[in-house]
């Protein structure tokens, strides 16, 4: 027969494993890029590409500035795209957000 102490230790270890798992799930989901932030970064990168097409050095500097300001990395962008590629129907929502942001920028320039 298993002693109460041993059961207590086993139960504690199981509880600890569950807590670590939940913590990792929360940590992973909180670091995922939102559709809103992706759309904003995408629009800024697109505009930078148009503005600095002839000056690759300036374009790279602008890209770095955009990523730093948005607190986003290329890896996060790639992960977001890969996640959406697994669910192609989700792209329509993202493209809508991008179009809305582009339209807002156009209105702001008028």
N, C-alpha and C. Protein backbone atom coordinates (compact mmCIF):
# COMPACT_ATOMS: atom_id res chain seq x y z
N UNK A 1 0.83 -1.17 0.00
CA UNK A 1 0.00 0.00 0.00
C UNK A 1 0.89 1.25 0.00
N UNK A 2 0.44 2.30 -0.69
CA UNK A 2 1.19 3.53 -0.82
C UNK A 2 0.90 4.42 0.39
N UNK A 3 1.96 4.99 0.95
CA UNK A 3 1.78 5.83 2.14
C UNK A 3 1.17 7.18 1.77
N UNK A 4 0.59 7.83 2.77
CA UNK A 4 -0.03 9.13 2.56
C UNK A 4 0.99 10.17 2.11
N UNK A 5 2.20 10.09 2.62
CA UNK A 5 3.25 11.03 2.24
C UNK A 5 3.58 10.89 0.77
N UNK A 6 3.69 9.65 0.32
CA UNK A 6 4.00 9.40 -1.08
C UNK A 6 2.87 9.90 -1.98
N UNK A 7 1.63 9.67 -1.58
CA UNK A 7 0.49 10.17 -2.35
C UNK A 7 0.48 11.70 -2.39
N UNK A 8 0.82 12.30 -1.27
CA UNK A 8 0.88 13.76 -1.20
C UNK A 8 1.95 14.30 -2.15
N UNK A 9 3.10 13.67 -2.18
CA UNK A 9 4.19 14.10 -3.07
C UNK A 9 3.79 13.91 -4.53
N UNK A 10 3.21 12.77 -4.85
CA UNK A 10 2.78 12.49 -6.23
C UNK A 10 1.71 13.50 -6.65
N UNK A 11 0.74 13.75 -5.78
CA UNK A 11 -0.30 14.73 -6.07
C UNK A 11 0.28 16.12 -6.27
N UNK A 12 1.25 16.49 -5.46
CA UNK A 12 1.92 17.79 -5.59
C UNK A 12 2.66 17.92 -6.91
N UNK A 13 3.33 16.84 -7.31
CA UNK A 13 4.06 16.85 -8.58
C UNK A 13 3.10 16.97 -9.76
N UNK A 14 1.99 16.27 -9.69
CA UNK A 14 0.99 16.36 -10.76
C UNK A 14 0.43 17.77 -10.84
N UNK A 15 0.12 18.34 -9.68
CA UNK A 15 -0.38 19.72 -9.64
C UNK A 15 0.65 20.69 -10.20
N UNK A 16 1.91 20.50 -9.85
CA UNK A 16 2.98 21.35 -10.36
C UNK A 16 3.09 21.25 -11.88
N UNK A 17 2.99 20.04 -12.40
CA UNK A 17 3.05 19.85 -13.86
C UNK A 17 1.89 20.56 -14.55
N UNK A 18 0.72 20.46 -13.98
CA UNK A 18 -0.45 21.13 -14.56
C UNK A 18 -0.26 22.64 -14.55
N UNK A 19 0.24 23.19 -13.44
CA UNK A 19 0.47 24.63 -13.35
C UNK A 19 1.52 25.11 -14.35
N UNK A 20 2.59 24.35 -14.51
CA UNK A 20 3.63 24.71 -15.48
C UNK A 20 3.05 24.68 -16.89
N UNK A 21 2.28 23.66 -17.20
CA UNK A 21 1.65 23.56 -18.52
C UNK A 21 0.75 24.77 -18.78
N UNK A 22 -0.10 25.11 -17.82
CA UNK A 22 -0.99 26.26 -17.98
C UNK A 22 -0.21 27.55 -18.14
N UNK A 23 0.85 27.71 -17.39
CA UNK A 23 1.69 28.90 -17.49
C UNK A 23 2.30 29.00 -18.90
N UNK A 24 2.76 27.89 -19.45
CA UNK A 24 3.34 27.89 -20.79
C UNK A 24 2.28 28.23 -21.85
N UNK A 25 1.07 27.73 -21.68
CA UNK A 25 -0.01 28.03 -22.63
C UNK A 25 -0.32 29.52 -22.59
N UNK A 26 -0.44 30.10 -21.41
CA UNK A 26 -0.72 31.53 -21.28
C UNK A 26 0.42 32.35 -21.84
N UNK A 27 1.65 31.96 -21.54
CA UNK A 27 2.82 32.68 -22.06
C UNK A 27 2.85 32.64 -23.57
N UNK A 28 2.56 31.50 -24.17
CA UNK A 28 2.57 31.37 -25.63
C UNK A 28 1.48 32.23 -26.26
N UNK A 29 0.28 32.18 -25.72
CA UNK A 29 -0.82 32.93 -26.32
C UNK A 29 -0.64 34.43 -26.14
N UNK A 30 -0.02 34.86 -25.06
CA UNK A 30 0.17 36.30 -24.86
C UNK A 30 1.24 36.86 -25.79
N UNK A 31 2.14 36.01 -26.26
CA UNK A 31 3.20 36.49 -27.15
C UNK A 31 2.79 36.42 -28.62
N UNK A 32 1.61 35.86 -28.90
CA UNK A 32 1.17 35.79 -30.28
C UNK A 32 0.75 37.17 -30.77
N UNK A 33 1.07 37.44 -31.98
CA UNK A 33 0.76 38.70 -32.62
C UNK A 33 -0.73 38.78 -32.92
N UNK A 34 -1.34 39.92 -32.62
CA UNK A 34 -2.76 40.09 -32.90
C UNK A 34 -2.97 40.46 -34.37
N UNK A 35 -4.18 40.25 -34.85
CA UNK A 35 -4.52 40.63 -36.23
C UNK A 35 -4.34 42.14 -36.41
N UNK A 36 -4.75 42.88 -35.39
CA UNK A 36 -4.67 44.34 -35.44
C UNK A 36 -3.22 44.82 -35.59
N UNK A 37 -2.35 44.26 -34.77
CA UNK A 37 -0.94 44.67 -34.81
C UNK A 37 -0.29 44.22 -36.12
N UNK A 38 -0.61 43.00 -36.57
CA UNK A 38 -0.07 42.53 -37.84
C UNK A 38 -0.48 43.47 -38.96
N UNK A 39 -1.75 43.84 -39.00
CA UNK A 39 -2.25 44.72 -40.06
C UNK A 39 -1.52 46.06 -40.03
N UNK A 40 -1.34 46.61 -38.84
CA UNK A 40 -0.65 47.91 -38.72
C UNK A 40 0.80 47.81 -39.21
N UNK A 41 1.51 46.77 -38.79
CA UNK A 41 2.89 46.59 -39.22
C UNK A 41 2.95 46.36 -40.72
N UNK A 42 2.04 45.57 -41.25
CA UNK A 42 2.00 45.28 -42.68
C UNK A 42 1.82 46.57 -43.48
N UNK A 43 0.89 47.41 -43.04
CA UNK A 43 0.63 48.68 -43.73
C UNK A 43 1.87 49.57 -43.67
N UNK A 44 2.47 49.67 -42.52
CA UNK A 44 3.67 50.50 -42.39
C UNK A 44 4.81 49.98 -43.26
N UNK A 45 4.99 48.67 -43.29
CA UNK A 45 6.04 48.09 -44.13
C UNK A 45 5.76 48.33 -45.61
N UNK A 46 4.51 48.20 -46.01
CA UNK A 46 4.13 48.44 -47.40
C UNK A 46 4.40 49.88 -47.81
N UNK A 47 4.04 50.80 -46.93
CA UNK A 47 4.28 52.21 -47.21
C UNK A 47 5.77 52.51 -47.28
N UNK A 48 6.53 51.93 -46.38
CA UNK A 48 7.99 52.13 -46.38
C UNK A 48 8.60 51.60 -47.67
N UNK A 49 8.11 50.46 -48.12
CA UNK A 49 8.63 49.86 -49.35
C UNK A 49 8.39 50.79 -50.55
N UNK A 50 7.23 51.42 -50.58
CA UNK A 50 6.92 52.37 -51.66
C UNK A 50 7.78 53.63 -51.55
N UNK A 51 7.93 54.14 -50.33
CA UNK A 51 8.67 55.39 -50.13
C UNK A 51 10.16 55.25 -50.39
N UNK A 52 10.72 54.11 -50.00
CA UNK A 52 12.17 53.94 -50.07
C UNK A 52 12.60 52.85 -51.04
N UNK A 53 11.82 52.63 -52.08
CA UNK A 53 12.12 51.58 -53.05
C UNK A 53 13.50 51.76 -53.69
N UNK A 54 13.89 52.98 -53.89
CA UNK A 54 15.17 53.25 -54.57
C UNK A 54 16.36 53.27 -53.61
N UNK A 55 16.11 53.27 -52.31
CA UNK A 55 17.18 53.38 -51.32
C UNK A 55 17.07 52.22 -50.33
N UNK A 56 17.75 51.11 -50.65
CA UNK A 56 17.62 49.91 -49.82
C UNK A 56 18.16 50.10 -48.41
N UNK A 57 19.17 50.94 -48.25
CA UNK A 57 19.72 51.20 -46.91
C UNK A 57 18.66 51.91 -46.06
N UNK A 58 18.06 52.94 -46.63
CA UNK A 58 17.02 53.68 -45.91
C UNK A 58 15.82 52.78 -45.63
N UNK A 59 15.48 51.91 -46.58
CA UNK A 59 14.37 50.98 -46.40
C UNK A 59 14.64 50.05 -45.21
N UNK A 60 15.83 49.50 -45.12
CA UNK A 60 16.17 48.62 -44.00
C UNK A 60 16.13 49.36 -42.67
N UNK A 61 16.60 50.61 -42.67
CA UNK A 61 16.53 51.42 -41.44
C UNK A 61 15.08 51.65 -41.04
N UNK A 62 14.24 51.91 -42.01
CA UNK A 62 12.82 52.15 -41.74
C UNK A 62 12.14 50.87 -41.23
N UNK A 63 12.47 49.74 -41.81
CA UNK A 63 11.93 48.46 -41.34
C UNK A 63 12.30 48.23 -39.88
N UNK A 64 13.57 48.46 -39.56
CA UNK A 64 14.03 48.29 -38.17
C UNK A 64 13.27 49.22 -37.24
N UNK A 65 13.04 50.47 -37.67
CA UNK A 65 12.31 51.42 -36.85
C UNK A 65 10.88 50.95 -36.61
N UNK A 66 10.24 50.47 -37.68
CA UNK A 66 8.86 49.99 -37.58
C UNK A 66 8.76 48.83 -36.60
N UNK A 67 9.65 47.86 -36.73
CA UNK A 67 9.63 46.70 -35.84
C UNK A 67 9.91 47.10 -34.39
N UNK A 68 10.87 47.99 -34.22
CA UNK A 68 11.21 48.43 -32.86
C UNK A 68 10.04 49.18 -32.24
N UNK A 69 9.44 50.09 -32.99
CA UNK A 69 8.32 50.88 -32.48
C UNK A 69 7.12 50.00 -32.15
N UNK A 70 6.86 49.00 -32.98
CA UNK A 70 5.71 48.11 -32.77
C UNK A 70 6.04 46.98 -31.78
N UNK A 71 7.30 46.88 -31.40
CA UNK A 71 7.75 45.81 -30.51
C UNK A 71 7.40 44.44 -31.08
N UNK A 72 7.77 44.26 -32.36
CA UNK A 72 7.49 43.04 -33.10
C UNK A 72 8.78 42.56 -33.75
N UNK A 73 8.90 41.25 -33.92
CA UNK A 73 10.06 40.69 -34.61
C UNK A 73 9.61 40.00 -35.89
N UNK A 74 10.58 39.76 -36.78
CA UNK A 74 10.26 39.02 -38.00
C UNK A 74 9.72 37.64 -37.66
N UNK A 75 10.27 37.04 -36.61
CA UNK A 75 9.82 35.72 -36.20
C UNK A 75 8.33 35.74 -35.83
N UNK A 76 7.90 36.78 -35.13
CA UNK A 76 6.48 36.89 -34.78
C UNK A 76 5.62 37.05 -36.03
N UNK A 77 6.11 37.83 -36.99
CA UNK A 77 5.38 38.00 -38.25
C UNK A 77 5.28 36.66 -38.96
N UNK A 78 6.40 35.95 -39.06
CA UNK A 78 6.40 34.63 -39.72
C UNK A 78 5.47 33.65 -39.02
N UNK A 79 5.50 33.64 -37.69
CA UNK A 79 4.62 32.75 -36.93
C UNK A 79 3.16 33.08 -37.18
N UNK A 80 2.84 34.38 -37.24
CA UNK A 80 1.47 34.81 -37.51
C UNK A 80 1.02 34.32 -38.89
N UNK A 81 1.86 34.53 -39.89
CA UNK A 81 1.54 34.11 -41.26
C UNK A 81 1.38 32.59 -41.32
N UNK A 82 2.27 31.87 -40.68
CA UNK A 82 2.17 30.41 -40.68
C UNK A 82 0.89 29.94 -39.99
N UNK A 83 0.53 30.59 -38.89
CA UNK A 83 -0.70 30.25 -38.17
C UNK A 83 -1.91 30.48 -39.06
N UNK A 84 -1.92 31.61 -39.78
CA UNK A 84 -3.06 31.90 -40.65
C UNK A 84 -3.07 30.99 -41.88
N UNK A 85 -1.92 30.59 -42.34
CA UNK A 85 -1.87 29.68 -43.48
C UNK A 85 -2.49 28.32 -43.14
N UNK A 86 -2.53 27.98 -41.85
CA UNK A 86 -3.18 26.75 -41.43
C UNK A 86 -4.70 26.89 -41.49
N UNK A 87 -5.19 28.14 -41.44
CA UNK A 87 -6.63 28.42 -41.50
C UNK A 87 -6.85 29.53 -42.53
N UNK A 88 -6.76 29.21 -43.82
CA UNK A 88 -6.83 30.24 -44.86
C UNK A 88 -8.07 31.13 -44.79
N UNK A 89 -9.17 30.62 -44.28
CA UNK A 89 -10.39 31.43 -44.19
C UNK A 89 -10.20 32.63 -43.27
N UNK A 90 -9.23 32.56 -42.35
CA UNK A 90 -8.97 33.66 -41.41
C UNK A 90 -8.30 34.86 -42.11
N UNK A 91 -7.68 34.61 -43.27
CA UNK A 91 -7.00 35.69 -43.98
C UNK A 91 -7.97 36.80 -44.38
N UNK A 92 -9.21 36.46 -44.66
CA UNK A 92 -10.15 37.49 -45.09
C UNK A 92 -10.33 38.56 -44.02
N UNK A 93 -10.38 38.17 -42.75
CA UNK A 93 -10.49 39.15 -41.66
C UNK A 93 -9.26 40.05 -41.60
N UNK A 94 -8.11 39.43 -41.79
CA UNK A 94 -6.86 40.21 -41.73
C UNK A 94 -6.78 41.19 -42.89
N UNK A 95 -7.13 40.74 -44.10
CA UNK A 95 -7.10 41.63 -45.26
C UNK A 95 -8.08 42.78 -45.10
N UNK A 96 -9.23 42.51 -44.47
CA UNK A 96 -10.20 43.58 -44.20
C UNK A 96 -9.57 44.65 -43.31
N UNK A 97 -8.87 44.19 -42.27
CA UNK A 97 -8.21 45.13 -41.36
C UNK A 97 -7.15 45.95 -42.10
N UNK A 98 -6.41 45.29 -42.97
CA UNK A 98 -5.37 45.98 -43.73
C UNK A 98 -5.99 47.03 -44.64
N UNK A 99 -7.06 46.67 -45.33
CA UNK A 99 -7.75 47.62 -46.21
C UNK A 99 -8.29 48.79 -45.40
N UNK A 100 -8.87 48.51 -44.24
CA UNK A 100 -9.38 49.59 -43.38
C UNK A 100 -8.27 50.54 -42.97
N UNK A 101 -7.12 49.99 -42.61
CA UNK A 101 -5.99 50.83 -42.19
C UNK A 101 -5.46 51.65 -43.36
N UNK A 102 -5.39 51.04 -44.54
CA UNK A 102 -4.95 51.78 -45.72
C UNK A 102 -5.93 52.89 -46.06
N UNK A 103 -7.20 52.61 -45.95
CA UNK A 103 -8.22 53.62 -46.22
C UNK A 103 -8.12 54.77 -45.21
N UNK A 104 -7.88 54.43 -43.95
CA UNK A 104 -7.72 55.47 -42.92
C UNK A 104 -6.50 56.34 -43.22
N UNK A 105 -5.41 55.71 -43.65
CA UNK A 105 -4.20 56.47 -44.00
C UNK A 105 -4.49 57.40 -45.17
N UNK A 106 -5.24 56.90 -46.15
CA UNK A 106 -5.59 57.73 -47.30
C UNK A 106 -6.42 58.93 -46.85
N UNK A 107 -7.37 58.70 -45.97
CA UNK A 107 -8.20 59.79 -45.46
C UNK A 107 -7.37 60.81 -44.67
N UNK A 108 -6.42 60.30 -43.91
CA UNK A 108 -5.56 61.19 -43.11
C UNK A 108 -4.70 62.09 -44.00
N UNK A 109 -4.34 61.60 -45.18
CA UNK A 109 -3.50 62.37 -46.08
C UNK A 109 -4.27 63.46 -46.82
N UNK A 110 -5.59 63.35 -46.85
CA UNK A 110 -6.40 64.35 -47.55
C UNK A 110 -6.51 65.62 -46.76
